[in-house]
Amino acid sequence: MFTGLIENLGVIDSFESDRFTLSVLNTSTTSILSTASVGDSIAVDGVCLTVESFTDNSFTVTVSPETLQRTTLSEKIKTTNYVNLESSLCVGSKLGGHFVTGHVDGIGSLVNYISTNKAWEMTFAAPSSKIQEWSNFIEPYLITKGSIAVNGISLTIAECDVSGNWFKVSVIPHTYAYTNLHYLRPGDLVNIEGDILGKYVEKFLSSTLKSTKDRQSNINSDFLAEQGYQ
């Protein structure tokens, strides 16, 4: 479990079969590896991965085929794009963002970004090749003022259309400067995870509605006629 508050930036140094080695950049006064242990979880652009080995400034993880297919990590292999890094939440830690599981729901694409006096407004939508995935796994959890994780960053949805085809976030200067958001350009892909609390609510309501629909009342016109009601 994570909070969506990025601690460091990193870059993928090497990829062999299903193993990634990443370097942690000195973008903060504290490195996430300063307290790391083998077996710890680290979110890499919002993807929960397990540390298998590490040095003072790098660590190695294994990435499953499902994760490569469902996230942008396979694209990162081909470039030197920076990735956001966050260590897992500990009991007693501050929860400054929202609950982020590190289980990415799908991929989005940056449509545009606009600089305002105090923030950056960034709009995301489904890439043309991921429209069905977006509709199934992202759109149901888009709600104005709701939480969403973009590349592992806890953000608040400022605006979204009724159909859930796109959403806009307002990014403060600190978040923009200390994450990989400031490297994004229109068309670039990002990992997206909906709010876990919204998923549980949606599951509960859909199950309740289905259960109610399945329970058919015995009181119908035939029953009333049998009881003498005409």
Protein backbone atom coordinates (compact mmCIF):
# COMPACT_ATOMS: atom_id res chain seq x y z
CA MET A 1 0.00 0.00 0.00
CA PHE A 2 1.21 3.50 -0.89
CA THR A 3 0.05 7.09 -0.48
CA GLY A 4 0.84 8.57 -3.90
CA LEU A 5 3.47 10.97 -2.54
CA ILE A 6 6.60 10.49 -4.67
CA GLU A 7 9.91 10.25 -2.81
CA ASN A 8 12.47 9.95 -5.61
CA LEU A 9 12.83 9.80 -9.36
CA GLY A 10 14.57 6.87 -10.98
CA VAL A 11 15.58 5.59 -14.38
CA ILE A 12 15.62 2.06 -15.79
CA ASP A 13 19.26 1.11 -16.36
CA SER A 14 18.81 -2.37 -17.79
CA PHE A 15 16.20 -4.94 -18.69
CA GLU A 16 16.92 -8.63 -19.15
CA SER A 17 14.09 -11.10 -19.67
CA ASP A 18 11.73 -10.02 -16.89
CA ARG A 19 14.22 -8.32 -14.58
CA PHE A 20 14.61 -4.54 -14.30
CA THR A 21 17.49 -2.72 -12.66
CA LEU A 22 16.73 0.87 -11.75
CA SER A 23 18.90 3.72 -10.51
CA VAL A 24 17.57 6.11 -7.88
CA LEU A 25 18.37 9.72 -8.71
CA ASN A 26 19.38 12.31 -6.13
CA THR A 27 16.17 14.32 -6.43
CA SER A 28 15.54 14.36 -2.68
CA THR A 29 17.57 14.67 0.50
CA THR A 30 16.62 11.09 1.38
CA SER A 31 16.81 8.01 -0.85
CA ILE A 32 14.12 5.35 -0.61
CA LEU A 33 16.96 2.82 -0.53
CA SER A 34 18.36 4.19 2.73
CA THR A 35 15.94 1.99 4.68
CA ALA A 36 15.31 -0.68 2.04
CA SER A 37 15.42 -4.42 2.57
CA VAL A 38 15.12 -7.36 0.20
CA GLY A 39 11.42 -8.16 -0.13
CA ASP A 40 10.26 -4.58 0.33
CA SER A 41 7.65 -3.12 -2.01
CA ILE A 42 8.44 -0.06 -4.11
CA ALA A 43 6.00 1.65 -6.46
CA VAL A 44 7.61 2.32 -9.84
CA ASP A 45 5.42 4.77 -11.75
CA GLY A 46 2.55 3.47 -9.64
CA VAL A 47 3.33 -0.22 -10.17
CA CYS A 48 3.94 -2.23 -6.99
CA LEU A 49 7.16 -4.24 -7.40
CA THR A 50 9.30 -6.27 -4.99
CA VAL A 51 12.95 -5.46 -4.30
CA GLU A 52 15.07 -8.56 -5.00
CA SER A 53 18.49 -6.95 -4.56
CA PHE A 54 19.85 -3.45 -4.12
CA THR A 55 22.94 -1.29 -3.77
CA ASP A 56 23.35 2.22 -2.40
CA ASN A 57 21.75 3.76 -5.47
CA SER A 58 20.04 1.01 -7.48
CA PHE A 59 17.69 -1.93 -7.08
CA THR A 60 16.45 -4.91 -9.09
CA VAL A 61 12.89 -6.18 -9.51
CA THR A 62 11.08 -8.84 -11.54
CA VAL A 63 8.13 -7.76 -13.67
CA SER A 64 5.43 -10.24 -14.68
CA PRO A 65 4.07 -10.48 -18.25
CA GLU A 66 0.67 -9.27 -16.99
CA THR A 67 2.28 -6.14 -15.53
CA LEU A 68 4.20 -5.44 -18.73
CA GLN A 69 1.00 -5.80 -20.75
CA ARG A 70 -1.15 -3.70 -18.42
CA THR A 71 1.25 -0.82 -17.70
CA THR A 72 3.67 1.54 -19.42
CA LEU A 73 6.79 -0.24 -18.13
CA SER A 74 7.33 -2.01 -21.44
CA GLU A 75 7.52 1.42 -23.10
CA LYS A 76 9.99 2.66 -20.49
CA ILE A 77 12.38 -0.11 -21.54
CA LYS A 78 12.77 1.53 -24.95
CA THR A 79 13.57 4.99 -23.58
CA THR A 80 15.40 6.70 -20.75
CA ASN A 81 12.20 8.18 -19.38
CA TYR A 82 12.19 8.89 -15.68
CA VAL A 83 9.99 6.89 -13.30
CA ASN A 84 8.40 7.96 -10.01
CA LEU A 85 9.45 5.98 -6.94
CA GLU A 86 7.70 5.55 -3.59
CA SER A 87 8.38 3.14 -0.75
CA SER A 88 5.45 1.29 0.81
CA LEU A 89 3.34 2.77 3.58
CA CYS A 90 4.28 1.76 7.12
CA VAL A 91 1.99 1.63 10.15
CA GLY A 92 2.15 5.06 11.77
CA SER A 93 3.28 6.84 8.60
CA LYS A 94 1.54 9.99 7.46
CA LEU A 95 -1.18 9.41 4.87
CA GLY A 96 -0.73 12.61 2.92
CA GLY A 97 -2.30 11.45 -0.35
CA HIS A 98 -4.82 8.61 -0.65
CA PHE A 99 -4.67 4.81 -0.54
CA VAL A 100 -2.78 3.63 -3.64
CA THR A 101 -2.42 -0.14 -4.04
CA GLY A 102 0.11 -0.19 -6.86
CA HIS A 103 -2.24 -2.32 -8.95
CA VAL A 104 -2.60 -0.29 -12.13
CA ASP A 105 -6.03 -0.35 -13.79
CA GLY A 106 -4.96 0.79 -17.22
CA ILE A 107 -3.10 3.23 -19.40
CA GLY A 108 -3.98 6.83 -20.20
CA SER A 109 -2.54 9.42 -22.55
CA LEU A 110 -1.77 13.08 -21.93
CA VAL A 111 -4.05 15.13 -24.17
CA ASN A 112 -2.79 18.59 -23.25
CA TYR A 113 -1.35 20.66 -20.43
CA ILE A 114 -1.76 24.33 -19.61
CA SER A 115 0.32 26.46 -17.27
CA THR A 116 -1.68 28.77 -15.01
CA ASN A 117 -0.48 31.22 -12.37
CA LYS A 118 -0.39 28.64 -9.58
CA ALA A 119 -0.75 25.22 -11.19
CA TRP A 120 -0.52 23.04 -14.25
CA GLU A 121 -3.80 21.77 -15.69
CA MET A 122 -3.30 18.37 -17.32
CA THR A 123 -5.95 16.44 -19.25
CA PHE A 124 -5.80 12.68 -19.77
CA ALA A 125 -7.86 10.34 -21.94
CA ALA A 126 -7.72 6.83 -23.35
CA PRO A 127 -5.16 6.07 -26.06
CA SER A 128 -6.83 4.87 -29.25
CA SER A 129 -5.63 1.32 -28.61
CA LYS A 130 -6.92 1.23 -25.01
CA ILE A 131 -10.46 2.60 -25.29
CA GLN A 132 -12.20 -0.61 -24.16
CA GLU A 133 -9.79 -1.06 -21.25
CA TRP A 134 -10.40 2.54 -20.20
CA SER A 135 -14.17 2.05 -20.40
CA ASN A 136 -14.07 -1.10 -18.28
CA PHE A 137 -11.47 -0.30 -15.64
CA ILE A 138 -10.98 3.47 -15.41
CA GLU A 139 -14.16 5.29 -16.45
CA PRO A 140 -16.34 3.85 -13.62
CA TYR A 141 -14.13 5.52 -10.99
CA LEU A 142 -13.87 9.00 -12.48
CA ILE A 143 -15.70 11.54 -10.36
CA THR A 144 -15.09 15.24 -9.86
CA LYS A 145 -13.09 15.85 -6.64
CA GLY A 146 -12.34 12.14 -6.44
CA SER A 147 -8.85 10.72 -6.02
CA ILE A 148 -6.82 9.13 -8.80
CA ALA A 149 -3.22 7.97 -9.17
CA VAL A 150 -1.34 8.99 -12.32
CA ASN A 151 2.11 7.37 -12.58
CA GLY A 152 1.72 6.66 -8.88
CA ILE A 153 1.03 10.30 -7.97
CA SER A 154 -1.98 11.02 -5.76
CA LEU A 155 -4.05 13.63 -7.59
CA THR A 156 -7.56 15.06 -7.35
CA ILE A 157 -9.82 15.06 -10.39
CA ALA A 158 -10.69 18.70 -11.06
CA GLU A 159 -13.05 17.93 -13.92
CA CYS A 160 -14.26 15.00 -16.03
CA ASP A 161 -16.89 14.60 -18.70
CA VAL A 162 -20.17 12.83 -17.96
CA SER A 163 -19.21 9.82 -20.07
CA GLY A 164 -15.83 9.47 -18.38
CA ASN A 165 -13.90 9.77 -21.63
CA TRP A 166 -11.36 12.18 -20.11
CA PHE A 167 -10.40 13.82 -16.86
CA LYS A 168 -8.43 16.89 -15.84
CA VAL A 169 -6.18 17.39 -12.81
CA SER A 170 -4.65 20.55 -11.39
CA VAL A 171 -1.04 19.95 -10.38
CA ILE A 172 0.70 22.24 -7.89
CA PRO A 173 4.23 23.47 -8.75
CA HIS A 174 5.95 21.25 -6.16
CA THR A 175 4.36 18.05 -7.49
CA TYR A 176 5.01 19.10 -11.08
CA ALA A 177 8.69 19.83 -10.38
CA TYR A 178 9.53 16.79 -8.24
CA THR A 179 7.80 14.06 -10.28
CA ASN A 180 8.04 12.95 -13.88
CA LEU A 181 4.93 14.92 -14.83
CA HIS A 182 7.07 17.80 -16.07
CA TYR A 183 8.67 15.49 -18.64
CA LEU A 184 5.33 14.53 -20.19
CA ARG A 185 4.26 15.78 -23.59
CA PRO A 186 0.92 15.30 -25.41
CA GLY A 187 0.58 11.69 -26.51
CA ASP A 188 2.80 10.30 -23.76
CA LEU A 189 1.38 7.33 -21.85
CA VAL A 190 0.79 7.11 -18.09
CA ASN A 191 -0.29 4.47 -15.60
CA ILE A 192 -3.67 5.08 -13.99
CA GLU A 193 -5.18 3.57 -10.85
CA GLY A 194 -8.68 4.42 -9.64
CA ASP A 195 -9.52 4.98 -5.99
CA ILE A 196 -9.75 1.63 -4.16
CA LEU A 197 -12.56 2.97 -1.95
CA GLY A 198 -14.59 3.79 -5.05
CA LYS A 199 -14.06 0.25 -6.32
CA TYR A 200 -15.41 -1.28 -3.13
CA VAL A 201 -18.45 1.01 -3.18
CA GLU A 202 -19.12 0.15 -6.83
CA LYS A 203 -18.80 -3.58 -6.11
CA PHE A 204 -21.09 -3.37 -3.10
CA LEU A 205 -23.78 -1.42 -4.93
CA SER A 206 -23.70 -3.61 -8.03
CA SER A 207 -23.93 -6.77 -5.90
CA THR A 208 -26.78 -5.31 -3.85
CA LEU A 209 -28.73 -4.26 -6.93
CA LYS A 210 -28.23 -7.68 -8.52
CA SER A 211 -29.35 -9.43 -5.34
CA THR A 212 -32.45 -7.25 -5.14
CA LYS A 213 -33.28 -7.91 -8.79
CA ASP A 214 -32.84 -11.66 -8.34
CA ARG A 215 -35.28 -11.76 -5.43
CA GLN A 216 -38.64 -11.81 -7.18
CA SER A 217 -41.70 -11.07 -5.07
CA ASN A 218 -44.37 -13.77 -4.80
CA ILE A 219 -47.03 -11.09 -4.83
CA ASN A 220 -48.21 -10.71 -8.41
CA SER A 221 -51.51 -10.46 -10.29
CA ASP A 222 -52.08 -14.24 -10.18
CA PHE A 223 -51.47 -14.38 -6.44
CA LEU A 224 -53.86 -11.50 -5.81
CA ALA A 225 -56.55 -13.17 -7.96
CA GLU A 226 -56.18 -16.39 -5.97
CA GLN A 227 -56.72 -14.42 -2.78
CA GLY A 228 -59.98 -12.97 -4.08
CA TYR A 229 -58.70 -9.61 -5.22
CA GLN A 230 -60.08 -8.63 -8.58
